[in-house]
Amino acid sequence: MESKTLKMQDGPIGPDDAAEMFAALGAPVRLSILRALVRAGQPGMTVGALQERLAMPASTLSHHLRALVQADVITQEREGRSLICRAAFPNLEGLAAFLLTECCADQGETRKVDRDAS
């Protein structure tokens, strides 16, 4: 299976793409999968490693991975006999930018969001 074309290659993420990505992330188990892949960084994780880390049946994991791939939240790439899953970092950054682009615009200013602030 080849890596899927990412939304960011077609320009900024728009409302329809953002809604699709948020819908895919609407299940706690999918957020767990994404967080595990974000923690893994660019090398990603094999499906088997994800299954082991999340203690999830293969069929359940496959179902959730398919939804995340379809929404371009993660990518999958075959390397030999292994299927490597990776967070689609450009798309996740685009999703964050979609939300934050107009931060504070109604207050007559734009601000960069301090990621360290809680």
PDB file of N, CA and C in Angstrom:
ATOM      1  N   MET A   1       0.853  -1.178   0.000  1.00  0.00           N
ATOM      2  CA  MET A   1       0.000   0.000   0.000  1.00  0.00           C
ATOM      3  C   MET A   1       0.895   1.235   0.000  1.00  0.00           C
ATOM      4  N   GLU A   2       0.649   2.145  -0.893  1.00  0.00           N
ATOM      5  CA  GLU A   2       1.439   3.360  -0.986  1.00  0.00           C
ATOM      6  C   GLU A   2       0.907   4.413  -0.035  1.00  0.00           C
ATOM      7  N   SER A   3       1.777   5.369   0.273  1.00  0.00           N
ATOM      8  CA  SER A   3       1.367   6.510   1.067  1.00  0.00           C
ATOM      9  C   SER A   3       0.321   7.296   0.302  1.00  0.00           C
ATOM     10  N   LYS A   4      -0.678   7.772   0.983  1.00  0.00           N
ATOM     11  CA  LYS A   4      -1.757   8.539   0.371  1.00  0.00           C
ATOM     12  C   LYS A   4      -1.316   9.993   0.160  1.00  0.00           C
ATOM     13  N   THR A   5      -1.823  10.629  -0.872  1.00  0.00           N
ATOM     14  CA  THR A   5      -1.546  12.033  -1.101  1.00  0.00           C
ATOM     15  C   THR A   5      -2.153  12.851   0.037  1.00  0.00           C
ATOM     16  N   LEU A   6      -1.362  13.725   0.589  1.00  0.00           N
ATOM     17  CA  LEU A   6      -1.810  14.520   1.729  1.00  0.00           C
ATOM     18  C   LEU A   6      -2.582  15.752   1.290  1.00  0.00           C
ATOM     19  N   LYS A   7      -3.527  16.162   2.109  1.00  0.00           N
ATOM     20  CA  LYS A   7      -4.336  17.339   1.828  1.00  0.00           C
ATOM     21  C   LYS A   7      -3.478  18.598   1.661  1.00  0.00           C
ATOM     22  N   MET A   8      -2.432  18.722   2.439  1.00  0.00           N
ATOM     23  CA  MET A   8      -1.619  19.935   2.405  1.00  0.00           C
ATOM     24  C   MET A   8      -0.972  20.149   1.038  1.00  0.00           C
ATOM     25  N   GLN A   9      -0.789  19.111   0.263  1.00  0.00           N
ATOM     26  CA  GLN A   9      -0.181  19.281  -1.047  1.00  0.00           C
ATOM     27  C   GLN A   9      -1.117  20.006  -1.997  1.00  0.00           C
ATOM     28  N   ASP A  10      -2.397  20.041  -1.650  1.00  0.00           N
ATOM     29  CA  ASP A  10      -3.378  20.718  -2.497  1.00  0.00           C
ATOM     30  C   ASP A  10      -3.672  22.122  -2.003  1.00  0.00           C
ATOM     31  N   GLY A  11      -2.923  22.622  -1.032  1.00  0.00           N
ATOM     32  CA  GLY A  11      -3.156  23.938  -0.461  1.00  0.00           C
ATOM     33  C   GLY A  11      -3.631  23.816   0.980  1.00  0.00           C
ATOM     34  N   PRO A  12      -4.012  24.938   1.576  1.00  0.00           N
ATOM     35  CA  PRO A  12      -4.422  24.925   2.980  1.00  0.00           C
ATOM     36  C   PRO A  12      -5.653  24.052   3.204  1.00  0.00           C
ATOM     37  N   ILE A  13      -5.761  23.559   4.408  1.00  0.00           N
ATOM     38  CA  ILE A  13      -6.929  22.766   4.777  1.00  0.00           C
ATOM     39  C   ILE A  13      -8.129  23.701   4.903  1.00  0.00           C
ATOM     40  N   GLY A  14      -9.211  23.341   4.244  1.00  0.00           N
ATOM     41  CA  GLY A  14     -10.439  24.122   4.293  1.00  0.00           C
ATOM     42  C   GLY A  14     -11.427  23.510   5.272  1.00  0.00           C
ATOM     43  N   PRO A  15     -12.589  24.126   5.416  1.00  0.00           N
ATOM     44  CA  PRO A  15     -13.584  23.661   6.380  1.00  0.00           C
ATOM     45  C   PRO A  15     -14.041  22.217   6.151  1.00  0.00           C
ATOM     46  N   ASP A  16     -14.196  21.798   4.907  1.00  0.00           N
ATOM     47  CA  ASP A  16     -14.650  20.433   4.647  1.00  0.00           C
ATOM     48  C   ASP A  16     -13.609  19.409   5.066  1.00  0.00           C
ATOM     49  N   ASP A  17     -12.339  19.674   4.726  1.00  0.00           N
ATOM     50  CA  ASP A  17     -11.273  18.760   5.119  1.00  0.00           C
ATOM     51  C   ASP A  17     -11.101  18.744   6.632  1.00  0.00           C
ATOM     52  N   ALA A  18     -11.180  19.908   7.257  1.00  0.00           N
ATOM     53  CA  ALA A  18     -11.051  19.980   8.716  1.00  0.00           C
ATOM     54  C   ALA A  18     -12.167  19.180   9.384  1.00  0.00           C
ATOM     55  N   ALA A  19     -13.382  19.319   8.890  1.00  0.00           N
ATOM     56  CA  ALA A  19     -14.507  18.577   9.465  1.00  0.00           C
ATOM     57  C   ALA A  19     -14.303  17.073   9.313  1.00  0.00           C
ATOM     58  N   GLU A  20     -13.786  16.646   8.168  1.00  0.00           N
ATOM     59  CA  GLU A  20     -13.516  15.219   7.952  1.00  0.00           C
ATOM     60  C   GLU A  20     -12.455  14.706   8.926  1.00  0.00           C
ATOM     61  N   MET A  21     -11.417  15.507   9.132  1.00  0.00           N
ATOM     62  CA  MET A  21     -10.358  15.100  10.058  1.00  0.00           C
ATOM     63  C   MET A  21     -10.883  15.039  11.492  1.00  0.00           C
ATOM     64  N   PHE A  22     -11.646  16.047  11.889  1.00  0.00           N
ATOM     65  CA  PHE A  22     -12.211  16.035  13.238  1.00  0.00           C
ATOM     66  C   PHE A  22     -13.164  14.858  13.436  1.00  0.00           C
ATOM     67  N   ALA A  23     -13.952  14.539  12.419  1.00  0.00           N
ATOM     68  CA  ALA A  23     -14.869  13.405  12.530  1.00  0.00           C
ATOM     69  C   ALA A  23     -14.092  12.112  12.754  1.00  0.00           C
ATOM     70  N   ALA A  24     -12.984  11.955  12.031  1.00  0.00           N
ATOM     71  CA  ALA A  24     -12.174  10.749  12.190  1.00  0.00           C
ATOM     72  C   ALA A  24     -11.559  10.672  13.582  1.00  0.00           C
ATOM     73  N   LEU A  25     -11.319  11.809  14.187  1.00  0.00           N
ATOM     74  CA  LEU A  25     -10.709  11.840  15.525  1.00  0.00           C
ATOM     75  C   LEU A  25     -11.747  11.843  16.638  1.00  0.00           C
ATOM     76  N   GLY A  26     -13.012  11.664  16.273  1.00  0.00           N
ATOM     77  CA  GLY A  26     -14.101  11.761  17.245  1.00  0.00           C
ATOM     78  C   GLY A  26     -14.268  10.569  18.166  1.00  0.00           C
ATOM     79  N   ALA A  27     -13.461   9.541  18.019  1.00  0.00           N
ATOM     80  CA  ALA A  27     -13.540   8.374  18.903  1.00  0.00           C
ATOM     81  C   ALA A  27     -12.285   8.330  19.770  1.00  0.00           C
ATOM     82  N   PRO A  28     -12.455   8.119  21.063  1.00  0.00           N
ATOM     83  CA  PRO A  28     -11.289   8.089  21.952  1.00  0.00           C
ATOM     84  C   PRO A  28     -10.199   7.110  21.507  1.00  0.00           C
ATOM     85  N   VAL A  29     -10.581   5.963  20.974  1.00  0.00           N
ATOM     86  CA  VAL A  29      -9.582   4.983  20.546  1.00  0.00           C
ATOM     87  C   VAL A  29      -8.756   5.536  19.384  1.00  0.00           C
ATOM     88  N   ARG A  30      -9.364   6.310  18.508  1.00  0.00           N
ATOM     89  CA  ARG A  30      -8.618   6.899  17.392  1.00  0.00           C
ATOM     90  C   ARG A  30      -7.667   7.979  17.882  1.00  0.00           C
ATOM     91  N   LEU A  31      -8.069   8.711  18.881  1.00  0.00           N
ATOM     92  CA  LEU A  31      -7.147   9.681  19.486  1.00  0.00           C
ATOM     93  C   LEU A  31      -5.959   8.957  20.116  1.00  0.00           C
ATOM     94  N   SER A  32      -6.208   7.810  20.730  1.00  0.00           N
ATOM     95  CA  SER A  32      -5.117   7.016  21.317  1.00  0.00           C
ATOM     96  C   SER A  32      -4.149   6.543  20.240  1.00  0.00           C
ATOM     97  N   ILE A  33      -4.689   6.109  19.124  1.00  0.00           N
ATOM     98  CA  ILE A  33      -3.841   5.678  18.011  1.00  0.00           C
ATOM     99  C   ILE A  33      -3.001   6.850  17.520  1.00  0.00           C
ATOM    100  N   LEU A  34      -3.642   7.989  17.292  1.00  0.00           N
ATOM    101  CA  LEU A  34      -2.917   9.160  16.805  1.00  0.00           C
ATOM    102  C   LEU A  34      -1.847   9.596  17.790  1.00  0.00           C
ATOM    103  N   ARG A  35      -2.175   9.628  19.062  1.00  0.00           N
ATOM    104  CA  ARG A  35      -1.181  10.044  20.064  1.00  0.00           C
ATOM    105  C   ARG A  35       0.011   9.108  20.089  1.00  0.00           C
ATOM    106  N   ALA A  36      -0.233   7.816  19.942  1.00  0.00           N
ATOM    107  CA  ALA A  36       0.876   6.853  19.895  1.00  0.00           C
ATOM    108  C   ALA A  36       1.768   7.128  18.684  1.00  0.00           C
ATOM    109  N   LEU A  37       1.152   7.452  17.545  1.00  0.00           N
ATOM    110  CA  LEU A  37       1.932   7.727  16.340  1.00  0.00           C
ATOM    111  C   LEU A  37       2.655   9.069  16.429  1.00  0.00           C
ATOM    112  N   VAL A  38       2.043  10.039  17.056  1.00  0.00           N
ATOM    113  CA  VAL A  38       2.718  11.328  17.259  1.00  0.00           C
ATOM    114  C   VAL A  38       3.931  11.123  18.158  1.00  0.00           C
ATOM    115  N   ARG A  39       3.774  10.333  19.202  1.00  0.00           N
ATOM    116  CA  ARG A  39       4.903  10.040  20.101  1.00  0.00           C
ATOM    117  C   ARG A  39       6.022   9.314  19.362  1.00  0.00           C
ATOM    118  N   ALA A  40       5.659   8.459  18.418  1.00  0.00           N
ATOM    119  CA  ALA A  40       6.657   7.688  17.666  1.00  0.00           C
ATOM    120  C   ALA A  40       7.453   8.566  16.715  1.00  0.00           C
ATOM    121  N   GLY A  41       6.887   9.704  16.332  1.00  0.00           N
ATOM    122  CA  GLY A  41       7.587  10.614  15.430  1.00  0.00           C
ATOM    123  C   GLY A  41       7.600  10.117  13.995  1.00  0.00           C
ATOM    124  N   GLN A  42       8.504  10.649  13.204  1.00  0.00           N
ATOM    125  CA  GLN A  42       8.553  10.357  11.768  1.00  0.00           C
ATOM    126  C   GLN A  42       8.795   8.881  11.453  1.00  0.00           C
ATOM    127  N   PRO A  43       9.552   8.135  12.257  1.00  0.00           N
ATOM    128  CA  PRO A  43       9.723   6.714  11.928  1.00  0.00           C
ATOM    129  C   PRO A  43       8.408   5.929  11.963  1.00  0.00           C
ATOM    130  N   GLY A  44       7.442   6.389  12.739  1.00  0.00           N
ATOM    131  CA  GLY A  44       6.160   5.711  12.818  1.00  0.00           C
ATOM    132  C   GLY A  44       6.247   4.404  13.581  1.00  0.00           C
ATOM    133  N   MET A  45       5.210   3.591  13.427  1.00  0.00           N
ATOM    134  CA  MET A  45       5.134   2.299  14.107  1.00  0.00           C
ATOM    135  C   MET A  45       4.505   1.281  13.169  1.00  0.00           C
ATOM    136  N   THR A  46       4.905   0.045  13.331  1.00  0.00           N
ATOM    137  CA  THR A  46       4.236  -1.008  12.578  1.00  0.00           C
ATOM    138  C   THR A  46       2.849  -1.226  13.177  1.00  0.00           C
ATOM    139  N   VAL A  47       1.974  -1.803  12.375  1.00  0.00           N
ATOM    140  CA  VAL A  47       0.632  -2.122  12.867  1.00  0.00           C
ATOM    141  C   VAL A  47       0.738  -3.061  14.066  1.00  0.00           C
ATOM    142  N   GLY A  48       1.651  -4.019  14.004  1.00  0.00           N
ATOM    143  CA  GLY A  48       1.833  -4.951  15.114  1.00  0.00           C
ATOM    144  C   GLY A  48       2.252  -4.255  16.396  1.00  0.00           C
ATOM    145  N   ALA A  49       3.153  -3.274  16.292  1.00  0.00           N
ATOM    146  CA  ALA A  49       3.592  -2.528  17.474  1.00  0.00           C
ATOM    147  C   ALA A  49       2.445  -1.696  18.050  1.00  0.00           C
ATOM    148  N   LEU A  50       1.656  -1.108  17.163  1.00  0.00           N
ATOM    149  CA  LEU A  50       0.478  -0.354  17.618  1.00  0.00           C
ATOM    150  C   LEU A  50      -0.500  -1.278  18.343  1.00  0.00           C
ATOM    151  N   GLN A  51      -0.732  -2.434  17.753  1.00  0.00           N
ATOM    152  CA  GLN A  51      -1.660  -3.397  18.343  1.00  0.00           C
ATOM    153  C   GLN A  51      -1.189  -3.810  19.731  1.00  0.00           C
ATOM    154  N   GLU A  52       0.100  -4.048  19.849  1.00  0.00           N
ATOM    155  CA  GLU A  52       0.654  -4.434  21.150  1.00  0.00           C
ATOM    156  C   GLU A  52       0.551  -3.296  22.164  1.00  0.00           C
ATOM    157  N   ARG A  53       0.909  -2.099  21.751  1.00  0.00           N
ATOM    158  CA  ARG A  53       0.883  -0.959  22.670  1.00  0.00           C
ATOM    159  C   ARG A  53      -0.530  -0.656  23.156  1.00  0.00           C
ATOM    160  N   LEU A  54      -1.506  -0.771  22.248  1.00  0.00           N
ATOM    161  CA  LEU A  54      -2.879  -0.399  22.590  1.00  0.00           C
ATOM    162  C   LEU A  54      -3.717  -1.578  23.066  1.00  0.00           C
ATOM    163  N   ALA A  55      -3.126  -2.781  23.048  1.00  0.00           N
ATOM    164  CA  ALA A  55      -3.828  -3.996  23.483  1.00  0.00           C
ATOM    165  C   ALA A  55      -5.202  -4.097  22.808  1.00  0.00           C
ATOM    166  N   MET A  56      -5.175  -4.079  21.489  1.00  0.00           N
ATOM    167  CA  MET A  56      -6.398  -4.023  20.707  1.00  0.00           C
ATOM    168  C   MET A  56      -6.418  -5.175  19.703  1.00  0.00           C
ATOM    169  N   PRO A  57      -7.561  -5.809  19.511  1.00  0.00           N
ATOM    170  CA  PRO A  57      -7.648  -6.853  18.485  1.00  0.00           C
ATOM    171  C   PRO A  57      -7.318  -6.292  17.102  1.00  0.00           C
ATOM    172  N   ALA A  58      -6.702  -7.116  16.281  1.00  0.00           N
ATOM    173  CA  ALA A  58      -6.265  -6.689  14.949  1.00  0.00           C
ATOM    174  C   ALA A  58      -7.419  -6.145  14.112  1.00  0.00           C
ATOM    175  N   SER A  59      -8.565  -6.791  14.168  1.00  0.00           N
ATOM    176  CA  SER A  59      -9.688  -6.342  13.334  1.00  0.00           C
ATOM    177  C   SER A  59     -10.194  -4.966  13.776  1.00  0.00           C
ATOM    178  N   THR A  60     -10.207  -4.728  15.068  1.00  0.00           N
ATOM    179  CA  THR A  60     -10.638  -3.422  15.590  1.00  0.00           C
ATOM    180  C   THR A  60      -9.645  -2.337  15.194  1.00  0.00           C
ATOM    181  N   LEU A  61      -8.370  -2.630  15.372  1.00  0.00           N
ATOM    182  CA  LEU A  61      -7.335  -1.667  15.007  1.00  0.00           C
ATOM    183  C   LEU A  61      -7.407  -1.345  13.512  1.00  0.00           C
ATOM    184  N   SER A  62      -7.560  -2.360  12.699  1.00  0.00           N
ATOM    185  CA  SER A  62      -7.642  -2.171  11.253  1.00  0.00           C
ATOM    186  C   SER A  62      -8.795  -1.241  10.879  1.00  0.00           C
ATOM    187  N   HIS A  63      -9.930  -1.428  11.504  1.00  0.00           N
ATOM    188  CA  HIS A  63     -11.101  -0.582  11.257  1.00  0.00           C
ATOM    189  C   HIS A  63     -10.782   0.886  11.561  1.00  0.00           C
ATOM    190  N   HIS A  64     -10.161   1.142  12.702  1.00  0.00           N
ATOM    191  CA  HIS A  64      -9.857   2.522  13.097  1.00  0.00           C
ATOM    192  C   HIS A  64      -8.737   3.118  12.250  1.00  0.00           C
ATOM    193  N   LEU A  65      -7.743   2.314  11.900  1.00  0.00           N
ATOM    194  CA  LEU A  65      -6.674   2.810  11.037  1.00  0.00           C
ATOM    195  C   LEU A  65      -7.219   3.225   9.677  1.00  0.00           C
ATOM    196  N   ARG A  66      -8.136   2.437   9.149  1.00  0.00           N
ATOM    197  CA  ARG A  66      -8.739   2.753   7.840  1.00  0.00           C
ATOM    198  C   ARG A  66      -9.417   4.124   7.887  1.00  0.00           C
ATOM    199  N   ALA A  67     -10.145   4.413   8.962  1.00  0.00           N
ATOM    200  CA  ALA A  67     -10.824   5.710   9.089  1.00  0.00           C
ATOM    201  C   ALA A  67      -9.822   6.855   9.170  1.00  0.00           C
ATOM    202  N   LEU A  68      -8.735   6.650   9.892  1.00  0.00           N
ATOM    203  CA  LEU A  68      -7.728   7.699  10.034  1.00  0.00           C
ATOM    204  C   LEU A  68      -6.972   7.937   8.725  1.00  0.00           C
ATOM    205  N   VAL A  69      -6.704   6.872   7.985  1.00  0.00           N
ATOM    206  CA  VAL A  69      -6.049   7.010   6.681  1.00  0.00           C
ATOM    207  C   VAL A  69      -6.981   7.726   5.710  1.00  0.00           C
ATOM    208  N   GLN A  70      -8.240   7.329   5.703  1.00  0.00           N
ATOM    209  CA  GLN A  70      -9.227   7.921   4.792  1.00  0.00           C
ATOM    210  C   GLN A  70      -9.343   9.438   4.999  1.00  0.00           C
ATOM    211  N   ALA A  71      -9.215   9.872   6.249  1.00  0.00           N
ATOM    212  CA  ALA A  71      -9.317  11.300   6.570  1.00  0.00           C
ATOM    213  C   ALA A  71      -7.971  12.019   6.477  1.00  0.00           C
ATOM    214  N   ASP A  72      -6.924  11.316   6.043  1.00  0.00           N
ATOM    215  CA  ASP A  72      -5.574  11.886   5.912  1.00  0.00           C
ATOM    216  C   ASP A  72      -4.983  12.355   7.232  1.00  0.00           C
ATOM    217  N   VAL A  73      -5.363  11.702   8.320  1.00  0.00           N
ATOM    218  CA  VAL A  73      -4.796  12.007   9.627  1.00  0.00           C
ATOM    219  C   VAL A  73      -3.502  11.221   9.822  1.00  0.00           C
ATOM    220  N   ILE A  74      -3.451  10.018   9.250  1.00  0.00           N
ATOM    221  CA  ILE A  74      -2.248   9.204   9.286  1.00  0.00           C
ATOM    222  C   ILE A  74      -1.975   8.684   7.881  1.00  0.00           C
ATOM    223  N   THR A  75      -0.757   8.194   7.685  1.00  0.00           N
ATOM    224  CA  THR A  75      -0.394   7.538   6.430  1.00  0.00           C
ATOM    225  C   THR A  75       0.064   6.120   6.755  1.00  0.00           C
ATOM    226  N   GLN A  76       0.020   5.276   5.748  1.00  0.00           N
ATOM    227  CA  GLN A  76       0.541   3.920   5.865  1.00  0.00           C
ATOM    228  C   GLN A  76       1.432   3.661   4.666  1.00  0.00           C
ATOM    229  N   GLU A  77       2.522   2.944   4.924  1.00  0.00           N
ATOM    230  CA  GLU A  77       3.460   2.617   3.867  1.00  0.00           C
ATOM    231  C   GLU A  77       3.991   1.212   4.111  1.00  0.00           C
ATOM    232  N   ARG A  78       3.977   0.413   3.068  1.00  0.00           N
ATOM    233  CA  ARG A  78       4.494  -0.943   3.177  1.00  0.00           C
ATOM    234  C   ARG A  78       6.005  -0.910   3.046  1.00  0.00           C
ATOM    235  N   GLU A  79       6.690  -1.510   4.014  1.00  0.00           N
ATOM    236  CA  GLU A  79       8.143  -1.673   3.971  1.00  0.00           C
ATOM    237  C   GLU A  79       8.416  -3.156   4.151  1.00  0.00           C
ATOM    238  N   GLY A  80       8.696  -3.818   3.052  1.00  0.00           N
ATOM    239  CA  GLY A  80       8.872  -5.269   3.105  1.00  0.00           C
ATOM    240  C   GLY A  80       7.562  -5.920   3.503  1.00  0.00           C
ATOM    241  N   ARG A  81       7.600  -6.688   4.576  1.00  0.00           N
ATOM    242  CA  ARG A  81       6.385  -7.353   5.054  1.00  0.00           C
ATOM    243  C   ARG A  81       5.648  -6.532   6.104  1.00  0.00           C
ATOM    244  N   SER A  82       6.210  -5.403   6.486  1.00  0.00           N
ATOM    245  CA  SER A  82       5.615  -4.574   7.543  1.00  0.00           C
ATOM    246  C   SER A  82       4.807  -3.430   6.956  1.00  0.00           C
ATOM    247  N   LEU A  83       3.734  -3.089   7.641  1.00  0.00           N
ATOM    248  CA  LEU A  83       2.936  -1.918   7.287  1.00  0.00           C
ATOM    249  C   LEU A  83       3.220  -0.860   8.350  1.00  0.00           C
ATOM    250  N   ILE A  84       3.846   0.231   7.926  1.00  0.00           N
ATOM    251  CA  ILE A  84       4.256   1.299   8.839  1.00  0.00           C
ATOM    252  C   ILE A  84       3.191   2.392   8.835  1.00  0.00           C
ATOM    253  N   CYS A  85       2.757   2.772  10.012  1.00  0.00           N
ATOM    254  CA  CYS A  85       1.791   3.863  10.178  1.00  0.00           C
ATOM    255  C   CYS A  85       2.539   5.077  10.711  1.00  0.00           C
ATOM    256  N   ARG A  86       2.193   6.240  10.183  1.00  0.00           N
ATOM    257  CA  ARG A  86       2.807   7.493  10.630  1.00  0.00           C
ATOM    258  C   ARG A  86       1.733   8.562  10.766  1.00  0.00           C
ATOM    259  N   ALA A  87       1.915   9.434  11.736  1.00  0.00           N
ATOM    260  CA  ALA A  87       1.059  10.611  11.830  1.00  0.00           C
ATOM    261  C   ALA A  87       1.335  11.475  10.607  1.00  0.00           C
ATOM    262  N   ALA A  88       0.304  12.030  10.021  1.00  0.00           N
ATOM    263  CA  ALA A  88       0.457  12.922   8.863  1.00  0.00           C
ATOM    264  C   ALA A  88       0.717  14.331   9.407  1.00  0.00           C
ATOM    265  N   PHE A  89       1.948  14.547   9.845  1.00  0.00           N
ATOM    266  CA  PHE A  89       2.288  15.802  10.516  1.00  0.00           C
ATOM    267  C   PHE A  89       1.936  17.054   9.716  1.00  0.00           C
ATOM    268  N   PRO A  90       2.183  17.107   8.402  1.00  0.00           N
ATOM    269  CA  PRO A  90       1.788  18.323   7.670  1.00  0.00           C
ATOM    270  C   PRO A  90       0.284  18.589   7.767  1.00  0.00           C
ATOM    271  N   ASN A  91      -0.513  17.527   7.724  1.00  0.00           N
ATOM    272  CA  ASN A  91      -1.964  17.714   7.821  1.00  0.00           C
ATOM    273  C   ASN A  91      -2.383  18.117   9.224  1.00  0.00           C
ATOM    274  N   LEU A  92      -1.742  17.553  10.229  1.00  0.00           N
ATOM    275  CA  LEU A  92      -2.066  17.927  11.608  1.00  0.00           C
ATOM    276  C   LEU A  92      -1.695  19.385  11.858  1.00  0.00           C
ATOM    277  N   GLU A  93      -0.561  19.814  11.303  1.00  0.00           N
ATOM    278  CA  GLU A  93      -0.176  21.223  11.408  1.00  0.00           C
ATOM    279  C   GLU A  93      -1.174  22.104  10.667  1.00  0.00           C
ATOM    280  N   GLY A  94      -1.630  21.633   9.515  1.00  0.00           N
ATOM    281  CA  GLY A  94      -2.634  22.374   8.753  1.00  0.00           C
ATOM    282  C   GLY A  94      -3.951  22.477   9.498  1.00  0.00           C
ATOM    283  N   LEU A  95      -4.319  21.406  10.208  1.00  0.00           N
ATOM    284  CA  LEU A  95      -5.549  21.429  11.000  1.00  0.00           C
ATOM    285  C   LEU A  95      -5.430  22.441  12.137  1.00  0.00           C
ATOM    286  N   ALA A  96      -4.289  22.449  12.799  1.00  0.00           N
ATOM    287  CA  ALA A  96      -4.063  23.435  13.858  1.00  0.00           C
ATOM    288  C   ALA A  96      -4.087  24.848  13.287  1.00  0.00           C
ATOM    289  N   ALA A  97      -3.466  25.033  12.132  1.00  0.00           N
ATOM    290  CA  ALA A  97      -3.460  26.363  11.494  1.00  0.00           C
ATOM    291  C   ALA A  97      -4.873  26.786  11.117  1.00  0.00           C
ATOM    292  N   PHE A  98      -5.688  25.839  10.631  1.00  0.00           N
ATOM    293  CA  PHE A  98      -7.073  26.145  10.292  1.00  0.00           C
ATOM    294  C   PHE A  98      -7.796  26.722  11.506  1.00  0.00           C
ATOM    295  N   LEU A  99      -7.560  26.133  12.668  1.00  0.00           N
ATOM    296  CA  LEU A  99      -8.219  26.599  13.891  1.00  0.00           C
ATOM    297  C   LEU A  99      -7.665  27.933  14.382  1.00  0.00           C
ATOM    298  N   LEU A 100      -6.375  28.109  14.246  1.00  0.00           N
ATOM    299  CA  LEU A 100      -5.724  29.237  14.915  1.00  0.00           C
ATOM    300  C   LEU A 100      -5.427  30.431  14.007  1.00  0.00           C
ATOM    301  N   THR A 101      -5.660  30.311  12.720  1.00  0.00           N
ATOM    302  CA  THR A 101      -5.327  31.382  11.782  1.00  0.00           C
ATOM    303  C   THR A 101      -5.972  32.707  12.165  1.00  0.00           C
ATOM    304  N   GLU A 102      -7.191  32.648  12.596  1.00  0.00           N
ATOM    305  CA  GLU A 102      -7.887  33.892  12.915  1.00  0.00           C
ATOM    306  C   GLU A 102      -8.010  34.117  14.414  1.00  0.00           C
ATOM    307  N   CYS A 103      -7.080  33.557  15.153  1.00  0.00           N
ATOM    308  CA  CYS A 103      -7.091  33.723  16.599  1.00  0.00           C
ATOM    309  C   CYS A 103      -7.132  35.206  16.966  1.00  0.00           C
ATOM    310  N   CYS A 104      -8.087  35.558  17.762  1.00  0.00           N
ATOM    311  CA  CYS A 104      -8.227  36.906  18.325  1.00  0.00           C
ATOM    312  C   CYS A 104      -8.568  37.973  17.280  1.00  0.00           C
ATOM    313  N   ALA A 105      -8.962  37.568  16.072  1.00  0.00           N
ATOM    314  CA  ALA A 105      -9.241  38.525  14.991  1.00  0.00           C
ATOM    315  C   ALA A 105     -10.363  39.479  15.362  1.00  0.00           C
ATOM    316  N   ASP A 106     -11.338  39.031  16.130  1.00  0.00           N
ATOM    317  CA  ASP A 106     -12.441  39.905  16.515  1.00  0.00           C
ATOM    318  C   ASP A 106     -12.034  40.914  17.581  1.00  0.00           C
ATOM    319  N   GLN A 107     -10.846  40.760  18.117  1.00  0.00           N
ATOM    320  CA  GLN A 107     -10.332  41.725  19.090  1.00  0.00           C
ATOM    321  C   GLN A 107      -9.426  42.750  18.418  1.00  0.00           C
ATOM    322  N   GLY A 108      -9.386  42.710  17.081  1.00  0.00           N
ATOM    323  CA  GLY A 108      -8.592  43.686  16.341  1.00  0.00           C
ATOM    324  C   GLY A 108      -7.115  43.375  16.309  1.00  0.00           C
ATOM    325  N   GLU A 109      -6.762  42.163  16.685  1.00  0.00           N
ATOM    326  CA  GLU A 109      -5.353  41.784  16.657  1.00  0.00           C
ATOM    327  C   GLU A 109      -5.267  40.303  16.320  1.00  0.00           C
ATOM    328  N   THR A 110      -4.102  39.903  15.865  1.00  0.00           N
ATOM    329  CA  THR A 110      -3.840  38.478  15.701  1.00  0.00           C
ATOM    330  C   THR A 110      -2.673  38.132  16.607  1.00  0.00           C
ATOM    331  N   ARG A 111      -2.718  36.964  17.153  1.00  0.00           N
ATOM    332  CA  ARG A 111      -1.675  36.534  18.083  1.00  0.00           C
ATOM    333  C   ARG A 111      -1.185  35.164  17.694  1.00  0.00           C
ATOM    334  N   LYS A 112       0.070  34.963  17.979  1.00  0.00           N
ATOM    335  CA  LYS A 112       0.586  33.604  17.898  1.00  0.00           C
ATOM    336  C   LYS A 112       0.204  32.936  19.218  1.00  0.00           C
ATOM    337  N   VAL A 113      -0.276  31.720  19.113  1.00  0.00           N
ATOM    338  CA  VAL A 113      -0.694  31.009  20.308  1.00  0.00           C
ATOM    339  C   VAL A 113       0.542  30.437  20.982  1.00  0.00           C
ATOM    340  N   ASP A 114       0.666  30.681  22.285  1.00  0.00           N
ATOM    341  CA  ASP A 114       1.772  30.152  23.076  1.00  0.00           C
ATOM    342  C   ASP A 114       1.464  28.704  23.389  1.00  0.00           C
ATOM    343  N   ARG A 115       2.201  27.798  22.747  1.00  0.00           N
ATOM    344  CA  ARG A 115       1.943  26.365  22.914  1.00  0.00           C
ATOM    345  C   ARG A 115       2.283  25.876  24.305  1.00  0.00           C
ATOM    346  N   ASP A 116       3.118  26.616  25.042  1.00  0.00           N
ATOM    347  CA  ASP A 116       3.478  26.200  26.389  1.00  0.00           C
ATOM    348  C   ASP A 116       2.481  26.669  27.433  1.00  0.00           C
ATOM    349  N   ALA A 117       1.621  27.602  27.075  1.00  0.00           N
ATOM    350  CA  ALA A 117       0.634  28.116  28.036  1.00  0.00           C
ATOM    351  C   ALA A 117      -0.467  27.084  28.249  1.00  0.00           C
ATOM    352  N   SER A 118      -0.956  27.024  29.443  1.00  0.00           N
ATOM    353  CA  SER A 118      -2.048  26.076  29.742  1.00  0.00           C
ATOM    354  C   SER A 118      -3.320  26.820  30.006  1.00  0.00           C
TER     355      SER A 118
END
